[in-house]
Amino acid sequence: HVLVVTDKSGQRKTYGGVGAGQGKLNYPTGVAVLNGLAYVVETGNHRVQIFDSTGAAIGTLGEGQLLYPSAIAAGKNEIFVADARHARIVAFAPDGRLTRVLGLGILSAPRGMDVMADALLVADPGLRKVLKLGFDGGVAMEVGADWVLPWDVATDKEFIYVADVSRDELGVTTMEGNRVGSIALASAPANVWFRSGKLQFSANT
């Protein structure tokens, strides 16, 4: 129930601790950074909490609007949140305004996301699908097929990578959504992302 910040020298600081008050966290499941602020999605507190570079909690998003949110991603000027129990993606401006709702009536239990220039990739284990949603909310494409529990998705703009927690591998598709192979792993991946152009993943624990 903490936010861990590691600086370039490897020193780590932790913030939070279990609770519902300002600065406390309850089952944080993801973090996104926008304009130098860290946005932490809390599944247990049904909100997104905002921390500045000193680790101070400075506000929240989505209180009273989210129900068991499960993932978060930053766009150019918006924060996208997988509102799992409401089966939708909601986007917020940095000032807290809800800017758009995506996937309502389409999604089942959205989990992982990656923001593209013109769309949003969404891994939905409830549907057993990975979808590309346009910012108008419609389905632009189904990514790959035969997923069992797709938990997260990321792209380097050349390929799309899917973490399916039922398999010890990352699924790989073209940008057109055609399955082209997989990357074998020692254990099932829960999350996948790119940092400094390098593919990263974490194990399902």
N, C-alpha and C. Protein backbone atom coordinates (compact mmCIF):
# COMPACT_ATOMS: atom_id res chain seq x y z
N HIS A 1 0.83 -1.21 0.00
CA HIS A 1 0.00 0.00 0.00
C HIS A 1 0.87 1.27 0.00
N VAL A 2 1.94 1.24 -0.79
CA VAL A 2 2.83 2.40 -0.83
C VAL A 2 3.19 2.75 -2.27
N LEU A 3 3.61 3.99 -2.45
CA LEU A 3 4.21 4.46 -3.69
C LEU A 3 5.71 4.46 -3.48
N VAL A 4 6.43 3.75 -4.34
CA VAL A 4 7.89 3.65 -4.23
C VAL A 4 8.51 4.51 -5.33
N VAL A 5 9.39 5.41 -4.94
CA VAL A 5 10.08 6.28 -5.88
C VAL A 5 11.57 5.98 -5.82
N THR A 6 12.15 5.61 -6.96
CA THR A 6 13.57 5.30 -7.05
C THR A 6 14.26 6.35 -7.90
N ASP A 7 15.30 7.00 -7.36
CA ASP A 7 15.99 8.02 -8.15
C ASP A 7 17.06 7.38 -9.02
N LYS A 8 17.76 8.20 -9.80
CA LYS A 8 18.71 7.68 -10.76
C LYS A 8 19.89 6.96 -10.11
N SER A 9 20.18 7.29 -8.85
CA SER A 9 21.28 6.62 -8.15
C SER A 9 20.86 5.30 -7.53
N GLY A 10 19.56 4.99 -7.60
CA GLY A 10 19.07 3.74 -7.03
C GLY A 10 18.49 3.87 -5.64
N GLN A 11 18.54 5.07 -5.06
CA GLN A 11 17.97 5.26 -3.73
C GLN A 11 16.45 5.27 -3.81
N ARG A 12 15.83 4.61 -2.84
CA ARG A 12 14.37 4.46 -2.86
C ARG A 12 13.73 5.17 -1.68
N LYS A 13 12.59 5.78 -1.95
CA LYS A 13 11.77 6.35 -0.89
C LYS A 13 10.35 5.82 -1.07
N THR A 14 9.65 5.64 0.03
CA THR A 14 8.28 5.15 -0.02
C THR A 14 7.33 6.16 0.62
N TYR A 15 6.14 6.24 0.07
CA TYR A 15 5.12 7.15 0.56
C TYR A 15 3.80 6.39 0.65
N GLY A 16 2.95 6.82 1.53
CA GLY A 16 1.63 6.21 1.63
C GLY A 16 1.46 5.42 2.92
N GLY A 17 1.18 4.13 2.78
CA GLY A 17 0.77 3.32 3.92
C GLY A 17 -0.73 3.13 3.86
N VAL A 18 -1.20 2.00 4.33
CA VAL A 18 -2.60 1.66 4.15
C VAL A 18 -3.52 2.64 4.89
N GLY A 19 -4.58 3.05 4.18
CA GLY A 19 -5.55 3.95 4.77
C GLY A 19 -6.37 4.63 3.70
N ALA A 20 -7.30 5.48 4.12
CA ALA A 20 -8.19 6.16 3.18
C ALA A 20 -8.02 7.66 3.18
N GLY A 21 -7.22 8.19 4.12
CA GLY A 21 -7.03 9.63 4.19
C GLY A 21 -6.05 10.14 3.15
N GLN A 22 -5.84 11.46 3.14
CA GLN A 22 -4.91 12.06 2.19
C GLN A 22 -3.51 11.51 2.42
N GLY A 23 -2.88 11.08 1.35
CA GLY A 23 -1.53 10.53 1.44
C GLY A 23 -1.47 9.06 1.75
N LYS A 24 -2.59 8.46 2.12
CA LYS A 24 -2.64 7.02 2.38
C LYS A 24 -3.16 6.30 1.14
N LEU A 25 -2.82 5.02 1.03
CA LEU A 25 -3.19 4.25 -0.15
C LEU A 25 -3.85 2.93 0.25
N ASN A 26 -4.71 2.44 -0.62
CA ASN A 26 -5.36 1.16 -0.40
C ASN A 26 -5.35 0.38 -1.71
N TYR A 27 -4.46 -0.60 -1.80
CA TYR A 27 -4.31 -1.46 -2.96
C TYR A 27 -4.05 -0.66 -4.24
N PRO A 28 -2.94 0.08 -4.28
CA PRO A 28 -2.59 0.78 -5.51
C PRO A 28 -2.19 -0.22 -6.59
N THR A 29 -2.71 -0.04 -7.80
CA THR A 29 -2.45 -1.01 -8.87
C THR A 29 -1.78 -0.40 -10.09
N GLY A 30 -1.48 0.88 -10.05
CA GLY A 30 -0.79 1.47 -11.19
C GLY A 30 -0.46 2.92 -10.93
N VAL A 31 0.51 3.42 -11.69
CA VAL A 31 0.91 4.82 -11.57
C VAL A 31 1.19 5.38 -12.97
N ALA A 32 0.79 6.61 -13.20
CA ALA A 32 1.08 7.32 -14.45
C ALA A 32 1.64 8.68 -14.09
N VAL A 33 2.52 9.18 -14.96
CA VAL A 33 3.15 10.48 -14.70
C VAL A 33 2.74 11.45 -15.80
N LEU A 34 2.27 12.61 -15.39
CA LEU A 34 1.88 13.65 -16.32
C LEU A 34 2.27 15.00 -15.73
N ASN A 35 3.02 15.80 -16.49
CA ASN A 35 3.44 17.13 -16.07
C ASN A 35 4.15 17.12 -14.72
N GLY A 36 4.97 16.09 -14.49
CA GLY A 36 5.77 16.01 -13.27
C GLY A 36 5.02 15.53 -12.04
N LEU A 37 3.77 15.15 -12.19
CA LEU A 37 2.99 14.63 -11.06
C LEU A 37 2.72 13.14 -11.25
N ALA A 38 2.67 12.41 -10.15
CA ALA A 38 2.38 10.98 -10.17
C ALA A 38 0.92 10.75 -9.81
N TYR A 39 0.21 10.06 -10.70
CA TYR A 39 -1.20 9.74 -10.49
C TYR A 39 -1.29 8.25 -10.15
N VAL A 40 -1.72 7.94 -8.94
CA VAL A 40 -1.75 6.56 -8.45
C VAL A 40 -3.20 6.08 -8.37
N VAL A 41 -3.51 5.02 -9.09
CA VAL A 41 -4.87 4.49 -9.04
C VAL A 41 -4.97 3.52 -7.86
N GLU A 42 -6.00 3.72 -7.04
CA GLU A 42 -6.22 2.90 -5.85
C GLU A 42 -7.49 2.08 -6.02
N THR A 43 -7.32 0.80 -6.21
CA THR A 43 -8.49 -0.07 -6.35
C THR A 43 -9.32 -0.07 -5.08
N GLY A 44 -8.66 -0.14 -3.92
CA GLY A 44 -9.37 -0.24 -2.66
C GLY A 44 -10.09 1.02 -2.24
N ASN A 45 -9.55 2.18 -2.61
CA ASN A 45 -10.18 3.46 -2.25
C ASN A 45 -11.02 4.04 -3.38
N HIS A 46 -11.10 3.35 -4.52
CA HIS A 46 -11.95 3.77 -5.65
C HIS A 46 -11.64 5.21 -6.09
N ARG A 47 -10.35 5.48 -6.28
CA ARG A 47 -9.97 6.84 -6.65
C ARG A 47 -8.58 6.83 -7.28
N VAL A 48 -8.18 8.01 -7.76
CA VAL A 48 -6.81 8.27 -8.19
C VAL A 48 -6.26 9.36 -7.29
N GLN A 49 -5.10 9.10 -6.69
CA GLN A 49 -4.50 10.11 -5.82
C GLN A 49 -3.27 10.69 -6.51
N ILE A 50 -3.08 11.99 -6.33
CA ILE A 50 -2.03 12.72 -7.02
C ILE A 50 -0.92 13.09 -6.03
N PHE A 51 0.33 12.78 -6.42
CA PHE A 51 1.49 13.10 -5.60
C PHE A 51 2.44 13.99 -6.39
N ASP A 52 3.06 14.97 -5.68
CA ASP A 52 4.06 15.81 -6.35
C ASP A 52 5.44 15.17 -6.22
N SER A 53 6.47 15.86 -6.71
CA SER A 53 7.81 15.28 -6.75
C SER A 53 8.44 15.10 -5.38
N THR A 54 7.86 15.71 -4.34
CA THR A 54 8.38 15.53 -2.98
C THR A 54 7.68 14.37 -2.26
N GLY A 55 6.68 13.77 -2.91
CA GLY A 55 5.93 12.70 -2.27
C GLY A 55 4.71 13.17 -1.52
N ALA A 56 4.41 14.47 -1.62
CA ALA A 56 3.24 15.01 -0.92
C ALA A 56 1.98 14.75 -1.75
N ALA A 57 0.90 14.32 -1.08
CA ALA A 57 -0.39 14.13 -1.74
C ALA A 57 -1.05 15.49 -1.91
N ILE A 58 -1.45 15.80 -3.16
CA ILE A 58 -1.97 17.15 -3.43
C ILE A 58 -3.39 17.14 -3.97
N GLY A 59 -3.99 15.97 -4.13
CA GLY A 59 -5.36 15.94 -4.62
C GLY A 59 -5.77 14.55 -5.07
N THR A 60 -7.01 14.45 -5.55
CA THR A 60 -7.55 13.18 -6.03
C THR A 60 -8.37 13.42 -7.30
N LEU A 61 -8.58 12.33 -8.04
CA LEU A 61 -9.47 12.31 -9.18
C LEU A 61 -10.47 11.17 -9.00
N GLY A 62 -11.67 11.37 -9.46
CA GLY A 62 -12.62 10.28 -9.60
C GLY A 62 -13.33 9.81 -8.35
N GLU A 63 -13.16 10.48 -7.23
CA GLU A 63 -13.87 10.02 -6.02
C GLU A 63 -15.38 10.15 -6.25
N GLY A 64 -16.11 9.06 -5.95
CA GLY A 64 -17.54 9.02 -6.17
C GLY A 64 -17.93 8.67 -7.60
N GLN A 65 -16.94 8.53 -8.49
CA GLN A 65 -17.21 8.20 -9.89
C GLN A 65 -16.64 6.84 -10.29
N LEU A 66 -15.63 6.38 -9.58
CA LEU A 66 -14.95 5.13 -9.92
C LEU A 66 -15.35 4.01 -8.98
N LEU A 67 -15.34 2.77 -9.50
CA LEU A 67 -15.64 1.60 -8.69
C LEU A 67 -14.64 0.50 -9.04
N TYR A 68 -13.75 0.22 -8.10
CA TYR A 68 -12.67 -0.75 -8.28
C TYR A 68 -11.85 -0.46 -9.55
N PRO A 69 -11.34 0.77 -9.67
CA PRO A 69 -10.48 1.06 -10.82
C PRO A 69 -9.23 0.19 -10.77
N SER A 70 -8.76 -0.24 -11.94
CA SER A 70 -7.71 -1.26 -11.96
C SER A 70 -6.43 -0.87 -12.67
N ALA A 71 -6.46 0.19 -13.46
CA ALA A 71 -5.26 0.57 -14.20
C ALA A 71 -5.34 2.03 -14.58
N ILE A 72 -4.18 2.58 -14.99
CA ILE A 72 -4.11 4.00 -15.30
C ILE A 72 -3.06 4.22 -16.38
N ALA A 73 -3.27 5.24 -17.21
CA ALA A 73 -2.30 5.58 -18.26
C ALA A 73 -2.42 7.07 -18.55
N ALA A 74 -1.31 7.67 -18.93
CA ALA A 74 -1.29 9.09 -19.22
C ALA A 74 -1.30 9.33 -20.72
N GLY A 75 -2.18 10.21 -21.17
CA GLY A 75 -2.17 10.69 -22.54
C GLY A 75 -1.44 12.02 -22.60
N LYS A 76 -1.64 12.76 -23.68
CA LYS A 76 -0.95 14.03 -23.84
C LYS A 76 -1.40 15.04 -22.80
N ASN A 77 -2.70 15.12 -22.58
CA ASN A 77 -3.24 16.07 -21.60
C ASN A 77 -4.34 15.47 -20.74
N GLU A 78 -4.40 14.14 -20.69
CA GLU A 78 -5.45 13.46 -19.94
C GLU A 78 -4.89 12.26 -19.19
N ILE A 79 -5.59 11.89 -18.14
CA ILE A 79 -5.31 10.67 -17.40
C ILE A 79 -6.46 9.70 -17.68
N PHE A 80 -6.14 8.52 -18.21
CA PHE A 80 -7.14 7.49 -18.50
C PHE A 80 -7.14 6.45 -17.39
N VAL A 81 -8.34 6.10 -16.93
CA VAL A 81 -8.48 5.15 -15.82
C VAL A 81 -9.41 4.01 -16.24
N ALA A 82 -8.96 2.77 -16.01
CA ALA A 82 -9.82 1.61 -16.26
C ALA A 82 -10.77 1.46 -15.08
N ASP A 83 -12.00 1.84 -15.27
CA ASP A 83 -13.04 1.79 -14.23
C ASP A 83 -13.70 0.41 -14.32
N ALA A 84 -13.03 -0.57 -13.71
CA ALA A 84 -13.32 -1.98 -14.00
C ALA A 84 -14.75 -2.38 -13.69
N ARG A 85 -15.24 -2.05 -12.51
CA ARG A 85 -16.57 -2.52 -12.12
C ARG A 85 -17.67 -1.82 -12.92
N HIS A 86 -17.40 -0.63 -13.41
CA HIS A 86 -18.35 0.06 -14.27
C HIS A 86 -18.17 -0.29 -15.75
N ALA A 87 -17.18 -1.15 -16.04
CA ALA A 87 -16.94 -1.65 -17.39
C ALA A 87 -16.76 -0.53 -18.40
N ARG A 88 -15.82 0.38 -18.09
CA ARG A 88 -15.59 1.52 -18.97
C ARG A 88 -14.20 2.09 -18.70
N ILE A 89 -13.77 2.96 -19.60
CA ILE A 89 -12.58 3.77 -19.40
C ILE A 89 -13.03 5.20 -19.24
N VAL A 90 -12.53 5.88 -18.21
CA VAL A 90 -12.84 7.30 -18.04
C VAL A 90 -11.55 8.10 -18.13
N ALA A 91 -11.67 9.29 -18.68
CA ALA A 91 -10.52 10.18 -18.82
C ALA A 91 -10.77 11.45 -18.04
N PHE A 92 -9.70 11.93 -17.40
CA PHE A 92 -9.78 13.15 -16.61
C PHE A 92 -8.74 14.15 -17.08
N ALA A 93 -9.09 15.43 -17.05
CA ALA A 93 -8.12 16.50 -17.22
C ALA A 93 -7.33 16.62 -15.92
N PRO A 94 -6.14 17.20 -15.97
CA PRO A 94 -5.36 17.35 -14.73
C PRO A 94 -6.09 18.11 -13.62
N ASP A 95 -7.04 18.98 -13.99
CA ASP A 95 -7.78 19.72 -12.96
C ASP A 95 -8.93 18.93 -12.38
N GLY A 96 -9.11 17.65 -12.82
CA GLY A 96 -10.13 16.79 -12.24
C GLY A 96 -11.39 16.65 -13.04
N ARG A 97 -11.55 17.43 -14.09
CA ARG A 97 -12.76 17.34 -14.92
C ARG A 97 -12.78 16.02 -15.68
N LEU A 98 -13.93 15.34 -15.69
CA LEU A 98 -14.09 14.15 -16.51
C LEU A 98 -14.25 14.60 -17.95
N THR A 99 -13.35 14.18 -18.82
CA THR A 99 -13.34 14.67 -20.20
C THR A 99 -14.01 13.73 -21.18
N ARG A 100 -13.97 12.43 -20.92
CA ARG A 100 -14.62 11.48 -21.83
C ARG A 100 -14.79 10.13 -21.17
N VAL A 101 -15.74 9.36 -21.69
CA VAL A 101 -16.00 7.99 -21.27
C VAL A 101 -15.92 7.11 -22.50
N LEU A 102 -15.12 6.05 -22.43
CA LEU A 102 -14.92 5.16 -23.57
C LEU A 102 -15.34 3.73 -23.22
N GLY A 103 -15.86 3.03 -24.20
CA GLY A 103 -16.12 1.60 -24.05
C GLY A 103 -17.37 1.22 -23.29
N LEU A 104 -18.20 2.18 -22.93
CA LEU A 104 -19.42 1.85 -22.19
C LEU A 104 -20.33 1.02 -23.08
N GLY A 105 -20.77 -0.12 -22.59
CA GLY A 105 -21.59 -1.03 -23.37
C GLY A 105 -20.78 -1.96 -24.25
N ILE A 106 -19.46 -1.79 -24.23
CA ILE A 106 -18.56 -2.62 -25.03
C ILE A 106 -17.66 -3.47 -24.14
N LEU A 107 -17.08 -2.83 -23.13
CA LEU A 107 -16.11 -3.50 -22.25
C LEU A 107 -16.80 -4.30 -21.15
N SER A 108 -16.04 -5.22 -20.56
CA SER A 108 -16.56 -6.04 -19.47
C SER A 108 -15.80 -5.81 -18.17
N ALA A 109 -14.48 -5.96 -18.21
CA ALA A 109 -13.64 -5.75 -17.02
C ALA A 109 -12.28 -5.24 -17.48
N PRO A 110 -12.22 -3.99 -17.98
CA PRO A 110 -10.97 -3.48 -18.52
C PRO A 110 -9.86 -3.47 -17.48
N ARG A 111 -8.66 -3.79 -17.93
CA ARG A 111 -7.53 -3.86 -17.01
C ARG A 111 -6.35 -3.03 -17.49
N GLY A 112 -5.53 -3.56 -18.42
CA GLY A 112 -4.35 -2.83 -18.87
C GLY A 112 -4.65 -1.90 -20.03
N MET A 113 -3.85 -0.83 -20.17
CA MET A 113 -4.06 0.15 -21.23
C MET A 113 -2.73 0.68 -21.74
N ASP A 114 -2.77 1.17 -22.97
CA ASP A 114 -1.67 1.97 -23.49
C ASP A 114 -2.29 3.02 -24.40
N VAL A 115 -1.83 4.26 -24.25
CA VAL A 115 -2.39 5.37 -25.01
C VAL A 115 -1.60 5.57 -26.29
N MET A 116 -2.30 5.61 -27.42
CA MET A 116 -1.71 5.91 -28.71
C MET A 116 -2.10 7.32 -29.12
N ALA A 117 -1.57 7.79 -30.25
CA ALA A 117 -1.87 9.14 -30.69
C ALA A 117 -3.34 9.33 -31.02
N ASP A 118 -3.97 8.28 -31.57
CA ASP A 118 -5.35 8.41 -32.03
C ASP A 118 -6.31 7.42 -31.41
N ALA A 119 -5.83 6.65 -30.43
CA ALA A 119 -6.68 5.58 -29.88
C ALA A 119 -6.10 5.09 -28.57
N LEU A 120 -6.82 4.16 -27.97
CA LEU A 120 -6.44 3.56 -26.69
C LEU A 120 -6.47 2.05 -26.83
N LEU A 121 -5.37 1.38 -26.49
CA LEU A 121 -5.35 -0.08 -26.44
C LEU A 121 -5.82 -0.52 -25.07
N VAL A 122 -6.73 -1.48 -25.02
CA VAL A 122 -7.31 -1.93 -23.75
C VAL A 122 -7.29 -3.46 -23.69
N ALA A 123 -6.69 -4.00 -22.64
CA ALA A 123 -6.75 -5.43 -22.37
C ALA A 123 -7.91 -5.68 -21.42
N ASP A 124 -8.83 -6.54 -21.83
CA ASP A 124 -10.05 -6.79 -21.05
C ASP A 124 -10.17 -8.29 -20.77
N PRO A 125 -9.74 -8.75 -19.59
CA PRO A 125 -9.84 -10.18 -19.29
C PRO A 125 -11.27 -10.68 -19.18
N GLY A 126 -12.21 -9.78 -18.89
CA GLY A 126 -13.62 -10.17 -18.86
C GLY A 126 -14.13 -10.58 -20.22
N LEU A 127 -13.67 -9.87 -21.25
CA LEU A 127 -14.05 -10.21 -22.62
C LEU A 127 -13.12 -11.26 -23.24
N ARG A 128 -11.95 -11.45 -22.61
CA ARG A 128 -10.88 -12.25 -23.19
C ARG A 128 -10.43 -11.66 -24.53
N LYS A 129 -10.39 -10.33 -24.55
CA LYS A 129 -10.01 -9.63 -25.78
C LYS A 129 -9.10 -8.46 -25.47
N VAL A 130 -8.35 -8.06 -26.50
CA VAL A 130 -7.62 -6.80 -26.48
C VAL A 130 -8.21 -5.95 -27.60
N LEU A 131 -8.65 -4.75 -27.26
CA LEU A 131 -9.32 -3.88 -28.22
C LEU A 131 -8.57 -2.58 -28.41
N LYS A 132 -8.68 -2.05 -29.60
CA LYS A 132 -8.23 -0.69 -29.88
C LYS A 132 -9.48 0.17 -29.95
N LEU A 133 -9.61 1.09 -29.00
CA LEU A 133 -10.77 1.97 -28.94
C LEU A 133 -10.39 3.34 -29.49
N GLY A 134 -11.19 3.85 -30.41
CA GLY A 134 -10.99 5.23 -30.85
C GLY A 134 -11.39 6.18 -29.75
N PHE A 135 -10.92 7.40 -29.82
CA PHE A 135 -11.27 8.38 -28.79
C PHE A 135 -12.73 8.81 -28.88
N ASP A 136 -13.43 8.33 -29.91
CA ASP A 136 -14.88 8.54 -29.97
C ASP A 136 -15.63 7.43 -29.23
N GLY A 137 -14.89 6.45 -28.71
CA GLY A 137 -15.49 5.37 -27.92
C GLY A 137 -15.78 4.11 -28.70
N GLY A 138 -15.68 4.15 -30.02
CA GLY A 138 -15.97 2.97 -30.82
C GLY A 138 -14.78 2.03 -30.93
N VAL A 139 -15.06 0.78 -31.31
CA VAL A 139 -14.00 -0.20 -31.48
C VAL A 139 -13.39 -0.02 -32.86
N ALA A 140 -12.11 0.34 -32.88
CA ALA A 140 -11.40 0.51 -34.15
C ALA A 140 -10.82 -0.81 -34.65
N MET A 141 -10.52 -1.72 -33.70
CA MET A 141 -9.88 -2.97 -34.10
C MET A 141 -9.84 -3.93 -32.91
N GLU A 142 -9.92 -5.22 -33.20
CA GLU A 142 -9.64 -6.25 -32.21
C GLU A 142 -8.21 -6.72 -32.43
N VAL A 143 -7.44 -6.71 -31.36
CA VAL A 143 -6.01 -7.03 -31.44
C VAL A 143 -5.78 -8.50 -31.14
N GLY A 144 -5.32 -9.25 -32.14
CA GLY A 144 -5.06 -10.67 -31.92
C GLY A 144 -6.33 -11.44 -31.63
N ALA A 145 -6.14 -12.68 -31.18
CA ALA A 145 -7.28 -13.55 -30.86
C ALA A 145 -6.80 -14.66 -29.93
N ASP A 146 -7.75 -15.42 -29.40
CA ASP A 146 -7.46 -16.57 -28.55
C ASP A 146 -6.77 -16.20 -27.25
N TRP A 147 -7.01 -14.98 -26.75
CA TRP A 147 -6.51 -14.62 -25.44
C TRP A 147 -7.37 -15.29 -24.37
N VAL A 148 -6.77 -15.60 -23.23
CA VAL A 148 -7.51 -16.20 -22.12
C VAL A 148 -7.74 -15.17 -21.02
N LEU A 149 -6.66 -14.61 -20.50
CA LEU A 149 -6.77 -13.56 -19.48
C LEU A 149 -5.79 -12.43 -19.82
N PRO A 150 -6.08 -11.67 -20.86
CA PRO A 150 -5.20 -10.56 -21.21
C PRO A 150 -5.23 -9.49 -20.14
N TRP A 151 -4.09 -9.23 -19.52
CA TRP A 151 -4.04 -8.38 -18.33
C TRP A 151 -3.46 -7.01 -18.61
N ASP A 152 -2.61 -6.93 -19.64
CA ASP A 152 -2.00 -5.64 -19.95
C ASP A 152 -1.58 -5.64 -21.41
N VAL A 153 -1.32 -4.43 -21.93
CA VAL A 153 -0.97 -4.28 -23.34
C VAL A 153 -0.09 -3.05 -23.48
N ALA A 154 0.87 -3.12 -24.41
CA ALA A 154 1.75 -1.99 -24.68
C ALA A 154 2.21 -2.05 -26.12
N THR A 155 2.60 -0.90 -26.65
CA THR A 155 3.08 -0.86 -28.03
C THR A 155 4.29 0.06 -28.15
N ASP A 156 5.19 -0.31 -29.07
CA ASP A 156 6.32 0.55 -29.42
C ASP A 156 6.10 1.19 -30.78
N LYS A 157 4.86 1.15 -31.26
CA LYS A 157 4.44 1.69 -32.56
C LYS A 157 4.92 0.85 -33.73
N GLU A 158 5.59 -0.27 -33.43
CA GLU A 158 5.95 -1.23 -34.47
C GLU A 158 5.20 -2.54 -34.26
N PHE A 159 5.06 -2.94 -32.99
CA PHE A 159 4.31 -4.13 -32.62
C PHE A 159 3.50 -3.85 -31.37
N ILE A 160 2.52 -4.71 -31.11
CA ILE A 160 1.71 -4.65 -29.89
C ILE A 160 2.03 -5.88 -29.07
N TYR A 161 2.25 -5.67 -27.78
CA TYR A 161 2.64 -6.75 -26.87
C TYR A 161 1.55 -6.94 -25.82
N VAL A 162 1.15 -8.20 -25.59
CA VAL A 162 0.05 -8.51 -24.69
C VAL A 162 0.53 -9.43 -23.57
N ALA A 163 0.27 -9.02 -22.34
CA ALA A 163 0.54 -9.86 -21.18
C ALA A 163 -0.73 -10.63 -20.84
N ASP A 164 -0.72 -11.93 -21.10
CA ASP A 164 -1.84 -12.82 -20.78
C ASP A 164 -1.40 -13.67 -19.59
N VAL A 165 -2.04 -13.46 -18.43
CA VAL A 165 -1.57 -14.12 -17.21
C VAL A 165 -1.81 -15.62 -17.19
N SER A 166 -2.44 -16.15 -18.24
CA SER A 166 -2.63 -17.60 -18.32
C SER A 166 -1.45 -18.29 -19.01
N ARG A 167 -0.49 -17.50 -19.52
CA ARG A 167 0.60 -18.07 -20.31
C ARG A 167 1.94 -17.49 -19.90
N ASP A 168 2.99 -18.31 -19.98
CA ASP A 168 4.35 -17.86 -19.65
C ASP A 168 5.00 -17.23 -20.89
N GLU A 169 4.37 -16.18 -21.39
CA GLU A 169 4.87 -15.54 -22.60
C GLU A 169 4.18 -14.20 -22.79
N LEU A 170 4.80 -13.36 -23.64
CA LEU A 170 4.15 -12.16 -24.13
C LEU A 170 3.68 -12.43 -25.55
N GLY A 171 2.41 -12.18 -25.82
CA GLY A 171 1.92 -12.30 -27.18
C GLY A 171 2.33 -11.08 -27.98
N VAL A 172 2.60 -11.27 -29.26
CA VAL A 172 3.04 -10.17 -30.13
C VAL A 172 2.16 -10.12 -31.36
N THR A 173 1.65 -8.93 -31.69
CA THR A 173 0.86 -8.74 -32.91
C THR A 173 1.43 -7.57 -33.70
N THR A 174 1.05 -7.50 -34.95
CA THR A 174 1.37 -6.32 -35.76
C THR A 174 0.49 -5.16 -35.31
N MET A 175 0.78 -3.98 -35.83
CA MET A 175 -0.04 -2.82 -35.53
C MET A 175 -1.43 -2.95 -36.13
N GLU A 176 -1.59 -3.85 -37.09
CA GLU A 176 -2.91 -4.14 -37.67
C GLU A 176 -3.66 -5.19 -36.88
N GLY A 177 -3.06 -5.69 -35.79
CA GLY A 177 -3.73 -6.64 -34.91
C GLY A 177 -3.55 -8.09 -35.25
N ASN A 178 -2.67 -8.42 -36.18
CA ASN A 178 -2.46 -9.81 -36.57
C ASN A 178 -1.39 -10.45 -35.69
N ARG A 179 -1.74 -11.60 -35.12
CA ARG A 179 -0.80 -12.31 -34.24
C ARG A 179 0.39 -12.83 -35.04
N VAL A 180 1.62 -12.49 -34.58
CA VAL A 180 2.81 -12.90 -35.32
C VAL A 180 3.76 -13.77 -34.50
N GLY A 181 3.51 -13.90 -33.21
CA GLY A 181 4.40 -14.75 -32.41
C GLY A 181 4.29 -14.44 -30.94
N SER A 182 5.31 -14.86 -30.20
CA SER A 182 5.32 -14.66 -28.76
C SER A 182 6.77 -14.61 -28.26
N ILE A 183 6.94 -14.08 -27.06
CA ILE A 183 8.23 -14.04 -26.40
C ILE A 183 8.12 -14.91 -25.16
N ALA A 184 8.85 -16.01 -25.11
CA ALA A 184 8.79 -16.94 -23.99
C ALA A 184 9.38 -16.30 -22.73
N LEU A 185 8.71 -16.53 -21.59
CA LEU A 185 9.15 -16.00 -20.30
C LEU A 185 9.22 -17.12 -19.27
N ALA A 186 9.88 -16.85 -18.15
CA ALA A 186 10.00 -17.85 -17.10
C ALA A 186 8.70 -18.02 -16.31
N SER A 187 7.87 -16.97 -16.32
CA SER A 187 6.58 -17.03 -15.61
C SER A 187 5.60 -16.11 -16.32
N ALA A 188 4.35 -16.23 -15.96
CA ALA A 188 3.31 -15.44 -16.63
C ALA A 188 3.47 -13.96 -16.32
N PRO A 189 3.40 -13.10 -17.32
CA PRO A 189 3.53 -11.66 -17.08
C PRO A 189 2.20 -11.04 -16.67
N ALA A 190 2.28 -10.08 -15.74
CA ALA A 190 1.08 -9.36 -15.33
C ALA A 190 1.01 -7.97 -15.96
N ASN A 191 2.19 -7.39 -16.22
CA ASN A 191 2.23 -6.05 -16.78
C ASN A 191 3.32 -5.97 -17.84
N VAL A 192 3.10 -5.11 -18.81
CA VAL A 192 4.09 -4.89 -19.86
C VAL A 192 4.08 -3.40 -20.21
N TRP A 193 5.29 -2.81 -20.44
CA TRP A 193 5.38 -1.40 -20.75
C TRP A 193 6.74 -1.12 -21.40
N PHE A 194 6.88 0.06 -21.90
CA PHE A 194 8.15 0.50 -22.49
C PHE A 194 8.71 1.63 -21.66
N ARG A 195 10.01 1.57 -21.39
CA ARG A 195 10.70 2.65 -20.70
C ARG A 195 11.99 2.94 -21.45
N SER A 196 12.16 4.18 -21.86
CA SER A 196 13.33 4.59 -22.64
C SER A 196 13.50 3.71 -23.87
N GLY A 197 12.36 3.34 -24.47
CA GLY A 197 12.38 2.54 -25.68
C GLY A 197 12.62 1.06 -25.47
N LYS A 198 12.74 0.62 -24.24
CA LYS A 198 13.01 -0.78 -23.96
C LYS A 198 11.78 -1.50 -23.40
N LEU A 199 11.54 -2.69 -23.88
CA LEU A 199 10.40 -3.48 -23.41
C LEU A 199 10.64 -3.93 -21.98
N GLN A 200 9.66 -3.71 -21.12
CA GLN A 200 9.73 -4.10 -19.71
C GLN A 200 8.50 -4.94 -19.38
N PHE A 201 8.63 -5.82 -18.38
CA PHE A 201 7.48 -6.58 -17.94
C PHE A 201 7.69 -6.99 -16.49
N SER A 202 6.58 -7.28 -15.81
CA SER A 202 6.65 -7.80 -14.45
C SER A 202 5.86 -9.07 -14.36
N ALA A 203 6.26 -9.95 -13.45
CA ALA A 203 5.64 -11.25 -13.31
C ALA A 203 4.33 -11.15 -12.56
N ASN A 204 3.43 -12.09 -12.81
CA ASN A 204 2.19 -12.21 -12.06
C ASN A 204 2.50 -12.82 -10.71
N THR A 205 2.28 -12.07 -9.62
CA THR A 205 2.60 -12.57 -8.28
C THR A 205 1.38 -12.59 -7.40
